[in-house]
Amino acid sequence: MMQPDAELPAVARVPAPWQLRGNAWIVAISWPRGGDLEARARFIAPELRPTLAGPLSLLTMVDYTSAPCGPYRELLFVPGSLVFAPRERYLSISRILVSTWESVVNGRANWGIPKDRADFVVDRALTDRISVISTGGKPICRLEFAQPRGPRVPLRTHWLPQRWLTLAQRHEARTYYYTPVARATAQFCRLIEWRCDGQLFPDLAAAQVLASVRVPQFNMTFPAARIEESSS
């Protein structure tokens, strides 16, 4: 379903590390026991699907206002943790859409992140409305968040064990391991609505929202990945 690397347009290569700034919405999701495993596991490689574990997933919408490849937007889904090596379990992005080809090409090359391109419409009037549309004009996902309330809570990745923050991606017979570092503040906000096309993005209808937060400003570093050759 992901567009082959050979068909991607030629863009300037921007190697890691990357320094990024922007704002985001993060949604923590719980899946009921016996829930829609097919929807959750959609876009995970077949050899990794049986290793999916944990009741939680993450849905994140990011607006990068500053990035080495130029500003861009992205919508991503982390279904849970997967086993990439014996007894080594990591979080992984199974589906991610971004607004520029520069982000697609460099995200795959630097970190093995399975990026595809889409169009984004963001309306931040009374509520925060986000629409993600395929390059063919088909609606992929619609999100609407209420304005955040309450105090801003500081977030620092160095407060957590590095193992919890390390992600892994399997791409083109390689496994990429990378650990982003970030500092930010966050406010709780209510997710009013979400709709996802089950063919182009995981269908989240069976899941329950545990919490959603608005991150009004963050600074993040994406380091160079550790890359291992894989037989899978």
Protein backbone atom coordinates (compact mmCIF):
# COMPACT_ATOMS: atom_id res chain seq x y z
CA MET A 1 0.00 0.00 0.00
CA MET A 2 2.95 2.31 0.60
CA GLN A 3 4.31 3.91 -2.56
CA PRO A 4 7.56 2.12 -3.58
CA ASP A 5 10.81 3.99 -2.98
CA ALA A 6 11.66 3.75 -6.67
CA GLU A 7 8.58 5.83 -7.54
CA LEU A 8 9.32 8.71 -5.20
CA PRO A 9 10.35 12.05 -6.72
CA ALA A 10 13.92 13.27 -6.56
CA VAL A 11 14.38 15.72 -3.69
CA ALA A 12 17.35 17.10 -1.78
CA ARG A 13 18.67 14.64 0.78
CA VAL A 14 18.94 15.97 4.33
CA PRO A 15 20.77 13.51 6.60
CA ALA A 16 20.23 13.19 10.34
CA PRO A 17 20.37 14.57 12.95
CA TRP A 18 17.40 16.90 12.58
CA GLN A 19 16.42 19.78 14.85
CA LEU A 20 12.68 20.43 14.70
CA ARG A 21 10.22 22.89 16.20
CA GLY A 22 6.46 22.93 16.05
CA ASN A 23 3.21 22.12 17.80
CA ALA A 24 1.18 18.94 18.11
CA TRP A 25 -1.89 17.07 19.31
CA ILE A 26 -1.33 13.69 21.00
CA VAL A 27 -4.09 11.17 21.70
CA ALA A 28 -3.61 8.12 23.95
CA ILE A 29 -5.89 5.27 22.89
CA SER A 30 -7.00 2.10 24.66
CA TRP A 31 -8.19 -1.02 22.82
CA PRO A 32 -10.74 -3.23 24.59
CA ARG A 33 -9.93 -6.89 25.08
CA GLY A 34 -11.14 -8.70 21.99
CA GLY A 35 -11.36 -5.38 20.11
CA ASP A 36 -10.76 -4.83 16.41
CA LEU A 37 -7.27 -6.29 16.13
CA GLU A 38 -7.40 -6.18 12.34
CA ALA A 39 -7.91 -2.41 12.36
CA ARG A 40 -5.16 -1.88 14.91
CA ALA A 41 -2.66 -4.11 13.12
CA ARG A 42 -3.40 -2.77 9.65
CA PHE A 43 -0.21 -1.48 7.98
CA ILE A 44 2.04 -3.62 10.22
CA ALA A 45 4.30 -5.95 8.23
CA PRO A 46 2.94 -9.54 8.29
CA GLU A 47 6.02 -10.96 10.02
CA LEU A 48 5.67 -8.43 12.86
CA ARG A 49 1.90 -8.59 13.37
CA PRO A 50 1.91 -11.58 15.75
CA THR A 51 4.24 -9.70 18.12
CA LEU A 52 1.93 -6.70 18.63
CA ALA A 53 1.27 -6.29 22.36
CA GLY A 54 -0.08 -3.88 24.92
CA PRO A 55 -3.51 -2.25 25.23
CA LEU A 56 -2.36 1.25 24.27
CA SER A 57 -1.77 3.08 20.99
CA LEU A 58 -0.89 6.67 20.10
CA LEU A 59 -2.36 8.98 17.46
CA THR A 60 -0.37 12.14 16.82
CA MET A 61 -0.87 15.15 14.57
CA VAL A 62 2.19 17.39 14.25
CA ASP A 63 2.70 20.76 12.61
CA TYR A 64 6.46 21.22 12.13
CA THR A 65 7.02 24.94 11.73
CA SER A 66 10.78 24.47 11.39
CA ALA A 67 12.57 21.41 9.98
CA PRO A 68 15.77 20.82 7.96
CA CYS A 69 13.67 19.68 4.98
CA GLY A 70 11.29 22.64 5.32
CA PRO A 71 8.03 23.00 7.30
CA TYR A 72 5.53 20.16 7.00
CA ARG A 73 2.60 18.47 8.74
CA GLU A 74 2.15 14.84 9.67
CA LEU A 75 -0.38 12.40 11.04
CA LEU A 76 0.98 9.19 12.56
CA PHE A 77 -0.21 6.09 14.37
CA VAL A 78 1.76 3.94 16.81
CA PRO A 79 -0.23 0.71 17.32
CA GLY A 80 1.82 -0.54 20.26
CA SER A 81 5.11 -2.36 20.71
CA LEU A 82 6.57 -4.99 18.38
CA VAL A 83 9.41 -7.49 18.65
CA PHE A 84 12.20 -6.67 16.19
CA ALA A 85 14.86 -8.99 17.63
CA PRO A 86 14.77 -11.83 20.16
CA ARG A 87 13.49 -10.40 23.45
CA GLU A 88 13.76 -6.83 22.12
CA ARG A 89 10.42 -5.00 22.02
CA TYR A 90 10.05 -1.42 20.71
CA LEU A 91 7.35 1.05 19.81
CA SER A 92 6.96 1.51 16.05
CA ILE A 93 5.07 3.75 13.63
CA SER A 94 2.84 1.65 11.38
CA ARG A 95 1.18 4.44 9.39
CA ILE A 96 2.28 8.03 8.79
CA LEU A 97 1.18 10.69 6.31
CA VAL A 98 3.09 13.91 5.69
CA SER A 99 2.48 17.00 3.61
CA THR A 100 5.74 17.18 1.58
CA TRP A 101 7.77 14.83 -0.58
CA GLU A 102 10.93 16.12 1.11
CA SER A 103 9.68 14.67 4.38
CA VAL A 104 8.62 11.39 2.73
CA VAL A 105 11.95 10.71 1.04
CA ASN A 106 14.18 11.77 3.92
CA GLY A 107 12.03 10.10 6.58
CA ARG A 108 12.34 6.76 4.83
CA ALA A 109 16.04 7.13 4.08
CA ASN A 110 17.12 8.38 7.51
CA TRP A 111 14.93 6.34 9.86
CA GLY A 112 12.99 3.82 7.78
CA ILE A 113 9.75 5.59 8.71
CA PRO A 114 6.99 4.47 6.27
CA LYS A 115 5.91 7.93 5.17
CA ASP A 116 3.38 8.61 2.43
CA ARG A 117 2.26 12.01 1.16
CA ALA A 118 -1.16 13.61 1.73
CA ASP A 119 -2.73 17.05 1.88
CA PHE A 120 -3.57 18.71 5.19
CA VAL A 121 -6.17 21.36 6.02
CA VAL A 122 -5.99 22.91 9.50
CA ASP A 123 -8.67 25.30 10.76
CA ARG A 124 -7.95 26.73 14.20
CA ALA A 125 -10.93 29.02 14.76
CA LEU A 126 -13.32 28.07 17.59
CA THR A 127 -11.97 24.50 17.63
CA ASP A 128 -8.94 22.83 16.08
CA ARG A 129 -10.16 21.03 12.96
CA ILE A 130 -7.74 18.90 10.97
CA SER A 131 -8.50 17.16 7.69
CA VAL A 132 -6.08 14.81 5.94
CA ILE A 133 -6.80 14.11 2.29
CA SER A 134 -5.10 11.72 -0.13
CA THR A 135 -3.31 13.07 -3.20
CA GLY A 136 -6.27 11.68 -5.16
CA GLY A 137 -8.70 13.79 -3.15
CA LYS A 138 -10.14 11.08 -0.88
CA PRO A 139 -10.69 11.98 2.81
CA ILE A 140 -8.35 9.94 5.03
CA CYS A 141 -8.87 11.31 8.51
CA ARG A 142 -10.75 14.10 10.25
CA LEU A 143 -9.98 15.27 13.78
CA GLU A 144 -11.58 18.00 15.86
CA PHE A 145 -10.22 19.14 19.22
CA ALA A 146 -11.66 21.57 21.74
CA GLN A 147 -9.43 24.41 22.82
CA PRO A 148 -7.01 23.32 25.58
CA ARG A 149 -7.72 24.18 29.20
CA GLY A 150 -5.85 24.21 32.45
CA PRO A 151 -2.20 24.78 33.24
CA ARG A 152 0.64 23.92 30.90
CA VAL A 153 2.55 20.89 32.14
CA PRO A 154 6.27 20.61 31.28
CA LEU A 155 7.36 17.55 29.30
CA ARG A 156 10.96 16.34 29.03
CA THR A 157 11.99 13.07 27.41
CA HIS A 158 15.07 12.79 29.64
CA TRP A 159 12.73 12.11 32.56
CA LEU A 160 11.94 8.68 31.06
CA PRO A 161 14.13 5.61 30.46
CA GLN A 162 15.72 5.71 27.01
CA ARG A 163 14.34 2.24 26.22
CA TRP A 164 10.78 3.57 26.49
CA LEU A 165 11.54 6.28 23.95
CA THR A 166 13.38 4.23 21.34
CA LEU A 167 11.40 3.37 18.22
CA ALA A 168 12.17 0.75 15.60
CA GLN A 169 11.18 0.53 11.94
CA ARG A 170 11.55 -2.30 9.41
CA HIS A 171 12.12 -1.01 5.88
CA GLU A 172 13.77 -2.47 2.78
CA ALA A 173 15.43 -5.39 4.64
CA ARG A 174 16.83 -3.09 7.31
CA THR A 175 15.81 -2.31 10.87
CA TYR A 176 16.24 1.27 12.05
CA TYR A 177 16.47 2.19 15.76
CA TYR A 178 16.20 5.83 16.84
CA THR A 179 15.50 7.75 20.04
CA PRO A 180 14.01 11.26 19.64
CA VAL A 181 14.73 13.82 22.35
CA ALA A 182 12.25 16.61 23.08
CA ARG A 183 11.22 19.32 25.50
CA ALA A 184 7.78 20.89 25.50
CA THR A 185 4.73 21.87 27.50
CA ALA A 186 1.27 20.33 27.17
CA GLN A 187 -2.35 21.11 28.06
CA PHE A 188 -5.24 18.68 28.18
CA CYS A 189 -7.82 19.10 25.45
CA ARG A 190 -10.93 17.16 24.47
CA LEU A 191 -11.12 15.20 21.25
CA ILE A 192 -14.56 16.09 19.91
CA GLU A 193 -14.57 13.96 16.78
CA TRP A 194 -12.44 11.52 14.83
CA ARG A 195 -13.17 9.75 11.58
CA CYS A 196 -10.70 7.58 9.69
CA ASP A 197 -10.92 5.79 6.38
CA GLY A 198 -10.25 2.17 7.27
CA GLN A 199 -8.46 1.47 3.98
CA LEU A 200 -6.06 4.42 4.01
CA PHE A 201 -5.57 4.74 7.79
CA PRO A 202 -6.33 2.48 10.77
CA ASP A 203 -10.02 2.55 11.69
CA LEU A 204 -10.07 3.73 15.31
CA ALA A 205 -13.83 3.47 15.86
CA ALA A 206 -13.51 0.53 18.28
CA ALA A 207 -10.89 2.25 20.42
CA GLN A 208 -11.40 4.46 23.45
CA VAL A 209 -9.71 7.80 24.01
CA LEU A 210 -7.89 7.84 27.35
CA ALA A 211 -6.50 11.37 27.09
CA SER A 212 -5.60 13.98 24.53
CA VAL A 213 -3.20 16.87 24.91
CA ARG A 214 -2.25 19.94 22.93
CA VAL A 215 1.48 20.67 22.72
CA PRO A 216 1.64 24.36 21.76
CA GLN A 217 5.40 24.47 21.23
CA PHE A 218 8.15 21.87 21.27
CA ASN A 219 11.80 21.49 20.38
CA MET A 220 12.89 18.05 19.20
CA THR A 221 16.04 16.31 18.01
CA PHE A 222 15.87 13.29 15.73
CA PRO A 223 19.31 11.64 15.89
CA ALA A 224 20.88 9.41 13.28
CA ALA A 225 19.45 5.91 13.42
CA ARG A 226 21.30 2.74 14.25
CA ILE A 227 20.73 0.50 11.24
CA GLU A 228 20.92 -3.27 11.14
CA GLU A 229 20.57 -5.53 8.14
CA SER A 230 17.56 -7.80 8.43
CA SER A 231 16.63 -11.04 6.75
CA SER A 232 12.89 -10.21 7.07
